[in-house]
């Protein structure tokens, strides 16, 4: 849904107000709009705009409540919100900042002021996003790191609980990687891990899919809305692609090339379970694959609803 241009979400129940802001911003931004608070929350979650211009007085949810709800959701909490309203009292402005807004523009709007304020907050958000992306990336493989994986696991676990959609997790461990490093050296080991990470990343076909390096030679793939059969198929395809990559490994006890062991778990989330238990189930599946001789994938179907 992303455009090359930053995306602005305008929220106002008066169409003429939306049209005025659209005319001011359309040259530099991709503009979407909502005419109710509920629709604004829905669009913000799906479009992930770079900024929201939010009216306060609306018939269903007022702007303060919309702002609070967006700030309460992990997916939308970092989107800057500018209140645009005819209210001009100090307590109105204070309430906007307390709800989580970053700025306050009064109606009737001035085009230069709107353009300047939007440009400033979009630029600040892009800088924060860039710094956050660096903190979430593994320096060696350039895929997500353990910190980002843990956050996304909690987020997707919560979302799966609301929607009752299946959530799948794949864990991989490079077989006999210590022996690989001892035999070929750490530089070759780094190249090996980068090659495996590239294979995993290539298999993640959807925006919500996530690949992460969570340990020295340990990798995870998080697959929302993926059933057990689909997750097992992905894991087996990854294991086959790693083997077919043909990275020489004379120190392995299962093959003369680098291989991986994999564990798969799929869950329909229940309130009494936790993401930690979910991860532990995948880890048990991975251990079962190692115990069974490595170079294979084992799985558990964990339906907890």
Foldseek 3Di string as FASTA:
>chain_A
DDDPAAEEEEEALDVVLVVVVCVLPVVGHHYHYYNALVVSLVCCQVVVGQAYEAEADHDPHGRLVSLLVLCVAPSRVLRAYEYEYQDDDPVVVVSCVVSPHDYYAYPPGDSVVVVVVVVVSSVVSVVVVVVVLVVQADPLQRFGEQVVVVVLLQNLLVVLQVVLAKKKKKKKFKAPLVQVCVVPNVVVSSVLLNVLQVLLVVLQDDPSWGWYAYDDRMIMIIDTNAADVRQQVSVVVSQVVQVVVFAADCPGPQDRHIGMAMFMEMERHDPVDHSVVRVVQRVVQSVVCVVVPGSYGGYDYYYDD
